[in-house]
Amino acid sequence: MVVVVWFAIGVLIGCVLTVTISRIKSVGSLRIDTSDPDDSPYLFLELSNDVGEVYRKKYIILRVNIKNFIPHK
């Protein structure tokens, strides 16, 4: 039973560290606009860092923001 408790604590600590590190290392957001049902979604890249910093990296982490920016009437 003690092993199960320690395993659960380890998983919880790992999840918290993963979320924290991914938020710190994020370089911007990928905004997805799905407001036009007849067309494919529009993608917008919003960087919070300089383009030169992103250009030097091999991999980046982006937050995804899915939102309809054009309201339907």
PDB file of N, CA and C in Angstrom:
ATOM      1  N   MET A   1       0.816  -1.198   0.000  1.00  0.00           N
ATOM      2  CA  MET A   1       0.000   0.000   0.000  1.00  0.00           C
ATOM      3  C   MET A   1       0.863   1.267   0.000  1.00  0.00           C
ATOM      4  N   VAL A   2       1.985   1.204   0.689  1.00  0.00           N
ATOM      5  CA  VAL A   2       2.892   2.356   0.754  1.00  0.00           C
ATOM      6  C   VAL A   2       3.480   2.647  -0.619  1.00  0.00           C
ATOM      7  N   VAL A   3       3.751   1.596  -1.390  1.00  0.00           N
ATOM      8  CA  VAL A   3       4.309   1.771  -2.728  1.00  0.00           C
ATOM      9  C   VAL A   3       3.311   2.496  -3.627  1.00  0.00           C
ATOM     10  N   VAL A   4       2.042   2.190  -3.501  1.00  0.00           N
ATOM     11  CA  VAL A   4       1.011   2.830  -4.307  1.00  0.00           C
ATOM     12  C   VAL A   4       0.919   4.317  -3.965  1.00  0.00           C
ATOM     13  N   VAL A   5       1.009   4.651  -2.691  1.00  0.00           N
ATOM     14  CA  VAL A   5       0.960   6.051  -2.277  1.00  0.00           C
ATOM     15  C   VAL A   5       2.161   6.806  -2.826  1.00  0.00           C
ATOM     16  N   TRP A   6       3.348   6.247  -2.715  1.00  0.00           N
ATOM     17  CA  TRP A   6       4.548   6.908  -3.251  1.00  0.00           C
ATOM     18  C   TRP A   6       4.486   7.043  -4.768  1.00  0.00           C
ATOM     19  N   PHE A   7       3.936   6.030  -5.430  1.00  0.00           N
ATOM     20  CA  PHE A   7       3.775   6.108  -6.884  1.00  0.00           C
ATOM     21  C   PHE A   7       2.814   7.239  -7.258  1.00  0.00           C
ATOM     22  N   ALA A   8       1.697   7.361  -6.539  1.00  0.00           N
ATOM     23  CA  ALA A   8       0.730   8.417  -6.818  1.00  0.00           C
ATOM     24  C   ALA A   8       1.336   9.795  -6.557  1.00  0.00           C
ATOM     25  N   ILE A   9       2.123   9.925  -5.504  1.00  0.00           N
ATOM     26  CA  ILE A   9       2.792  11.192  -5.220  1.00  0.00           C
ATOM     27  C   ILE A   9       3.786  11.527  -6.331  1.00  0.00           C
ATOM     28  N   GLY A  10       4.520  10.535  -6.813  1.00  0.00           N
ATOM     29  CA  GLY A  10       5.468  10.743  -7.906  1.00  0.00           C
ATOM     30  C   GLY A  10       4.787  11.173  -9.191  1.00  0.00           C
ATOM     31  N   VAL A  11       3.656  10.564  -9.493  1.00  0.00           N
ATOM     32  CA  VAL A  11       2.899  10.937 -10.690  1.00  0.00           C
ATOM     33  C   VAL A  11       2.380  12.357 -10.555  1.00  0.00           C
ATOM     34  N   LEU A  12       1.881  12.724  -9.395  1.00  0.00           N
ATOM     35  CA  LEU A  12       1.374  14.073  -9.164  1.00  0.00           C
ATOM     36  C   LEU A  12       2.485  15.119  -9.297  1.00  0.00           C
ATOM     37  N   ILE A  13       3.638  14.850  -8.722  1.00  0.00           N
ATOM     38  CA  ILE A  13       4.778  15.769  -8.842  1.00  0.00           C
ATOM     39  C   ILE A  13       5.221  15.882 -10.301  1.00  0.00           C
ATOM     40  N   GLY A  14       5.243  14.773 -11.022  1.00  0.00           N
ATOM     41  CA  GLY A  14       5.611  14.795 -12.433  1.00  0.00           C
ATOM     42  C   GLY A  14       4.647  15.610 -13.271  1.00  0.00           C
ATOM     43  N   CYS A  15       3.353  15.502 -12.999  1.00  0.00           N
ATOM     44  CA  CYS A  15       2.361  16.287 -13.734  1.00  0.00           C
ATOM     45  C   CYS A  15       2.517  17.776 -13.464  1.00  0.00           C
ATOM     46  N   VAL A  16       2.730  18.136 -12.206  1.00  0.00           N
ATOM     47  CA  VAL A  16       2.893  19.550 -11.854  1.00  0.00           C
ATOM     48  C   VAL A  16       4.145  20.115 -12.510  1.00  0.00           C
ATOM     49  N   LEU A  17       5.247  19.384 -12.477  1.00  0.00           N
ATOM     50  CA  LEU A  17       6.479  19.854 -13.108  1.00  0.00           C
ATOM     51  C   LEU A  17       6.337  19.979 -14.620  1.00  0.00           C
ATOM     52  N   THR A  18       5.643  19.048 -15.254  1.00  0.00           N
ATOM     53  CA  THR A  18       5.449  19.106 -16.704  1.00  0.00           C
ATOM     54  C   THR A  18       4.638  20.325 -17.104  1.00  0.00           C
ATOM     55  N   VAL A  19       3.568  20.611 -16.388  1.00  0.00           N
ATOM     56  CA  VAL A  19       2.739  21.785 -16.699  1.00  0.00           C
ATOM     57  C   VAL A  19       3.528  23.065 -16.468  1.00  0.00           C
ATOM     58  N   THR A  20       4.268  23.125 -15.370  1.00  0.00           N
ATOM     59  CA  THR A  20       5.048  24.325 -15.051  1.00  0.00           C
ATOM     60  C   THR A  20       6.133  24.577 -16.085  1.00  0.00           C
ATOM     61  N   ILE A  21       6.870  23.567 -16.444  1.00  0.00           N
ATOM     62  CA  ILE A  21       7.958  23.726 -17.416  1.00  0.00           C
ATOM     63  C   ILE A  21       7.411  24.068 -18.792  1.00  0.00           C
ATOM     64  N   SER A  22       6.284  23.461 -19.182  1.00  0.00           N
ATOM     65  CA  SER A  22       5.728  23.766 -20.509  1.00  0.00           C
ATOM     66  C   SER A  22       5.210  25.201 -20.576  1.00  0.00           C
ATOM     67  N   ARG A  23       4.725  25.743 -19.473  1.00  0.00           N
ATOM     68  CA  ARG A  23       4.293  27.147 -19.474  1.00  0.00           C
ATOM     69  C   ARG A  23       5.482  28.098 -19.506  1.00  0.00           C
ATOM     70  N   ILE A  24       6.553  27.741 -18.834  1.00  0.00           N
ATOM     71  CA  ILE A  24       7.750  28.587 -18.829  1.00  0.00           C
ATOM     72  C   ILE A  24       8.426  28.573 -20.194  1.00  0.00           C
ATOM     73  N   LYS A  25       8.511  27.419 -20.817  1.00  0.00           N
ATOM     74  CA  LYS A  25       9.219  27.272 -22.092  1.00  0.00           C
ATOM     75  C   LYS A  25       8.382  27.664 -23.305  1.00  0.00           C
ATOM     76  N   SER A  26       7.116  27.982 -23.124  1.00  0.00           N
ATOM     77  CA  SER A  26       6.255  28.343 -24.245  1.00  0.00           C
ATOM     78  C   SER A  26       6.740  29.645 -24.882  1.00  0.00           C
ATOM     79  N   VAL A  27       6.788  29.672 -26.228  1.00  0.00           N
ATOM     80  CA  VAL A  27       7.269  30.853 -26.941  1.00  0.00           C
ATOM     81  C   VAL A  27       6.138  31.664 -27.564  1.00  0.00           C
ATOM     82  N   GLY A  28       4.908  31.218 -27.395  1.00  0.00           N
ATOM     83  CA  GLY A  28       3.784  31.945 -27.964  1.00  0.00           C
ATOM     84  C   GLY A  28       2.555  31.066 -28.026  1.00  0.00           C
ATOM     85  N   SER A  29       1.622  31.471 -28.876  1.00  0.00           N
ATOM     86  CA  SER A  29       0.393  30.699 -28.998  1.00  0.00           C
ATOM     87  C   SER A  29       0.027  30.511 -30.459  1.00  0.00           C
ATOM     88  N   LEU A  30      -0.663  29.422 -30.725  1.00  0.00           N
ATOM     89  CA  LEU A  30      -1.210  29.129 -32.034  1.00  0.00           C
ATOM     90  C   LEU A  30      -2.710  29.374 -31.938  1.00  0.00           C
ATOM     91  N   ARG A  31      -3.180  30.438 -32.565  1.00  0.00           N
ATOM     92  CA  ARG A  31      -4.592  30.805 -32.506  1.00  0.00           C
ATOM     93  C   ARG A  31      -5.305  30.185 -33.699  1.00  0.00           C
ATOM     94  N   ILE A  32      -6.369  29.446 -33.440  1.00  0.00           N
ATOM     95  CA  ILE A  32      -7.131  28.762 -34.483  1.00  0.00           C
ATOM     96  C   ILE A  32      -8.521  29.374 -34.543  1.00  0.00           C
ATOM     97  N   ASP A  33      -8.873  29.911 -35.721  1.00  0.00           N
ATOM     98  CA  ASP A  33     -10.173  30.539 -35.931  1.00  0.00           C
ATOM     99  C   ASP A  33     -11.021  29.606 -36.779  1.00  0.00           C
ATOM    100  N   THR A  34     -12.088  29.074 -36.202  1.00  0.00           N
ATOM    101  CA  THR A  34     -12.978  28.153 -36.911  1.00  0.00           C
ATOM    102  C   THR A  34     -14.345  28.774 -37.141  1.00  0.00           C
ATOM    103  N   SER A  35     -14.416  30.089 -37.268  1.00  0.00           N
ATOM    104  CA  SER A  35     -15.711  30.756 -37.367  1.00  0.00           C
ATOM    105  C   SER A  35     -16.384  30.589 -38.728  1.00  0.00           C
ATOM    106  N   ASP A  36     -15.633  30.293 -39.785  1.00  0.00           N
ATOM    107  CA  ASP A  36     -16.224  30.122 -41.111  1.00  0.00           C
ATOM    108  C   ASP A  36     -16.407  28.629 -41.374  1.00  0.00           C
ATOM    109  N   PRO A  37     -17.648  28.119 -41.323  1.00  0.00           N
ATOM    110  CA  PRO A  37     -17.854  26.675 -41.487  1.00  0.00           C
ATOM    111  C   PRO A  37     -17.623  26.190 -42.913  1.00  0.00           C
ATOM    112  N   ASP A  38     -17.672  27.088 -43.904  1.00  0.00           N
ATOM    113  CA  ASP A  38     -17.489  26.686 -45.294  1.00  0.00           C
ATOM    114  C   ASP A  38     -16.016  26.587 -45.680  1.00  0.00           C
ATOM    115  N   ASP A  39     -15.151  27.152 -44.890  1.00  0.00           N
ATOM    116  CA  ASP A  39     -13.728  27.200 -45.205  1.00  0.00           C
ATOM    117  C   ASP A  39     -12.946  26.458 -44.129  1.00  0.00           C
ATOM    118  N   SER A  40     -11.710  26.113 -44.441  1.00  0.00           N
ATOM    119  CA  SER A  40     -10.866  25.461 -43.437  1.00  0.00           C
ATOM    120  C   SER A  40     -10.470  26.478 -42.368  1.00  0.00           C
ATOM    121  N   PRO A  41     -10.064  26.023 -41.202  1.00  0.00           N
ATOM    122  CA  PRO A  41      -9.719  26.960 -40.119  1.00  0.00           C
ATOM    123  C   PRO A  41      -8.515  27.824 -40.476  1.00  0.00           C
ATOM    124  N   TYR A  42      -8.527  29.038 -39.961  1.00  0.00           N
ATOM    125  CA  TYR A  42      -7.406  29.949 -40.125  1.00  0.00           C
ATOM    126  C   TYR A  42      -6.479  29.801 -38.934  1.00  0.00           C
ATOM    127  N   LEU A  43      -5.173  29.769 -39.185  1.00  0.00           N
ATOM    128  CA  LEU A  43      -4.177  29.626 -38.134  1.00  0.00           C
ATOM    129  C   LEU A  43      -3.350  30.901 -38.037  1.00  0.00           C
ATOM    130  N   PHE A  44      -3.154  31.380 -36.811  1.00  0.00           N
ATOM    131  CA  PHE A  44      -2.346  32.564 -36.559  1.00  0.00           C
ATOM    132  C   PHE A  44      -1.292  32.216 -35.524  1.00  0.00           C
ATOM    133  N   LEU A  45      -0.057  32.604 -35.780  1.00  0.00           N
ATOM    134  CA  LEU A  45       1.029  32.376 -34.838  1.00  0.00           C
ATOM    135  C   LEU A  45       1.329  33.679 -34.123  1.00  0.00           C
ATOM    136  N   GLU A  46       1.186  33.678 -32.798  1.00  0.00           N
ATOM    137  CA  GLU A  46       1.465  34.853 -31.984  1.00  0.00           C
ATOM    138  C   GLU A  46       2.653  34.538 -31.088  1.00  0.00           C
ATOM    139  N   LEU A  47       3.778  35.184 -31.354  1.00  0.00           N
ATOM    140  CA  LEU A  47       4.992  34.921 -30.591  1.00  0.00           C
ATOM    141  C   LEU A  47       5.140  35.908 -29.452  1.00  0.00           C
ATOM    142  N   SER A  48       5.560  35.406 -28.301  1.00  0.00           N
ATOM    143  CA  SER A  48       5.838  36.283 -27.172  1.00  0.00           C
ATOM    144  C   SER A  48       7.329  36.595 -27.085  1.00  0.00           C
ATOM    145  N   ASN A  49       8.153  35.842 -27.801  1.00  0.00           N
ATOM    146  CA  ASN A  49       9.593  36.065 -27.854  1.00  0.00           C
ATOM    147  C   ASN A  49       9.980  36.645 -29.208  1.00  0.00           C
ATOM    148  N   ASP A  50      11.222  37.046 -29.321  1.00  0.00           N
ATOM    149  CA  ASP A  50      11.751  37.553 -30.577  1.00  0.00           C
ATOM    150  C   ASP A  50      11.849  36.420 -31.598  1.00  0.00           C
ATOM    151  N   VAL A  51      11.693  36.742 -32.849  1.00  0.00           N
ATOM    152  CA  VAL A  51      11.754  35.733 -33.911  1.00  0.00           C
ATOM    153  C   VAL A  51      13.141  35.080 -33.953  1.00  0.00           C
ATOM    154  N   GLY A  52      14.174  35.836 -33.650  1.00  0.00           N
ATOM    155  CA  GLY A  52      15.530  35.286 -33.638  1.00  0.00           C
ATOM    156  C   GLY A  52      15.702  34.174 -32.619  1.00  0.00           C
ATOM    157  N   GLU A  53      15.044  34.284 -31.471  1.00  0.00           N
ATOM    158  CA  GLU A  53      15.113  33.224 -30.471  1.00  0.00           C
ATOM    159  C   GLU A  53      14.407  31.967 -30.951  1.00  0.00           C
ATOM    160  N   VAL A  54      13.283  32.133 -31.599  1.00  0.00           N
ATOM    161  CA  VAL A  54      12.522  30.990 -32.102  1.00  0.00           C
ATOM    162  C   VAL A  54      13.262  30.338 -33.263  1.00  0.00           C
ATOM    163  N   TYR A  55      13.900  31.134 -34.079  1.00  0.00           N
ATOM    164  CA  TYR A  55      14.609  30.632 -35.255  1.00  0.00           C
ATOM    165  C   TYR A  55      15.770  29.714 -34.879  1.00  0.00           C
ATOM    166  N   ARG A  56      16.419  29.973 -33.757  1.00  0.00           N
ATOM    167  CA  ARG A  56      17.579  29.175 -33.341  1.00  0.00           C
ATOM    168  C   ARG A  56      17.194  27.836 -32.724  1.00  0.00           C
ATOM    169  N   LYS A  57      15.964  27.673 -32.312  1.00  0.00           N
ATOM    170  CA  LYS A  57      15.547  26.450 -31.630  1.00  0.00           C
ATOM    171  C   LYS A  57      15.135  25.382 -32.633  1.00  0.00           C
ATOM    172  N   LYS A  58      15.350  24.133 -32.234  1.00  0.00           N
ATOM    173  CA  LYS A  58      14.942  23.023 -33.071  1.00  0.00           C
ATOM    174  C   LYS A  58      13.478  22.662 -32.815  1.00  0.00           C
ATOM    175  N   TYR A  59      13.045  22.748 -31.558  1.00  0.00           N
ATOM    176  CA  TYR A  59      11.664  22.481 -31.166  1.00  0.00           C
ATOM    177  C   TYR A  59      11.156  23.643 -30.330  1.00  0.00           C
ATOM    178  N   ILE A  60       9.854  23.930 -30.457  1.00  0.00           N
ATOM    179  CA  ILE A  60       9.247  24.970 -29.637  1.00  0.00           C
ATOM    180  C   ILE A  60       7.947  24.440 -29.042  1.00  0.00           C
ATOM    181  N   ILE A  61       7.478  25.101 -27.992  1.00  0.00           N
ATOM    182  CA  ILE A  61       6.219  24.758 -27.352  1.00  0.00           C
ATOM    183  C   ILE A  61       5.267  25.933 -27.547  1.00  0.00           C
ATOM    184  N   LEU A  62       4.073  25.639 -28.052  1.00  0.00           N
ATOM    185  CA  LEU A  62       3.054  26.666 -28.279  1.00  0.00           C
ATOM    186  C   LEU A  62       1.799  26.323 -27.489  1.00  0.00           C
ATOM    187  N   ARG A  63       1.134  27.337 -26.977  1.00  0.00           N
ATOM    188  CA  ARG A  63      -0.193  27.160 -26.404  1.00  0.00           C
ATOM    189  C   ARG A  63      -1.194  27.241 -27.544  1.00  0.00           C
ATOM    190  N   VAL A  64      -2.250  26.458 -27.483  1.00  0.00           N
ATOM    191  CA  VAL A  64      -3.266  26.447 -28.538  1.00  0.00           C
ATOM    192  C   VAL A  64      -4.498  27.184 -28.028  1.00  0.00           C
ATOM    193  N   ASN A  65      -4.959  28.156 -28.827  1.00  0.00           N
ATOM    194  CA  ASN A  65      -6.128  28.955 -28.486  1.00  0.00           C
ATOM    195  C   ASN A  65      -7.144  28.786 -29.605  1.00  0.00           C
ATOM    196  N   ILE A  66      -8.185  27.990 -29.367  1.00  0.00           N
ATOM    197  CA  ILE A  66      -9.242  27.757 -30.373  1.00  0.00           C
ATOM    198  C   ILE A  66     -10.404  28.666 -30.018  1.00  0.00           C
ATOM    199  N   LYS A  67     -10.729  29.583 -30.932  1.00  0.00           N
ATOM    200  CA  LYS A  67     -11.786  30.545 -30.663  1.00  0.00           C
ATOM    201  C   LYS A  67     -12.379  31.015 -31.979  1.00  0.00           C
ATOM    202  N   ASN A  68     -13.686  31.223 -31.986  1.00  0.00           N
ATOM    203  CA  ASN A  68     -14.364  31.806 -33.138  1.00  0.00           C
ATOM    204  C   ASN A  68     -14.311  33.313 -32.984  1.00  0.00           C
ATOM    205  N   PHE A  69     -13.559  33.983 -33.846  1.00  0.00           N
ATOM    206  CA  PHE A  69     -13.381  35.418 -33.734  1.00  0.00           C
ATOM    207  C   PHE A  69     -14.419  36.206 -34.501  1.00  0.00           C
ATOM    208  N   ILE A  70     -15.102  35.582 -35.468  1.00  0.00           N
ATOM    209  CA  ILE A  70     -16.160  36.246 -36.214  1.00  0.00           C
ATOM    210  C   ILE A  70     -17.492  35.667 -35.723  1.00  0.00           C
ATOM    211  N   PRO A  71     -18.321  36.468 -35.050  1.00  0.00           N
ATOM    212  CA  PRO A  71     -19.585  35.927 -34.528  1.00  0.00           C
ATOM    213  C   PRO A  71     -20.586  35.647 -35.650  1.00  0.00           C
ATOM    214  N   HIS A  72     -21.363  34.589 -35.470  1.00  0.00           N
ATOM    215  CA  HIS A  72     -22.430  34.257 -36.428  1.00  0.00           C
ATOM    216  C   HIS A  72     -23.718  34.906 -35.977  1.00  0.00           C
ATOM    217  N   LYS A  73     -24.480  35.411 -36.936  1.00  0.00           N
ATOM    218  CA  LYS A  73     -25.737  36.086 -36.595  1.00  0.00           C
ATOM    219  C   LYS A  73     -26.916  35.210 -36.900  1.00  0.00           C
TER     220      LYS A  73
END
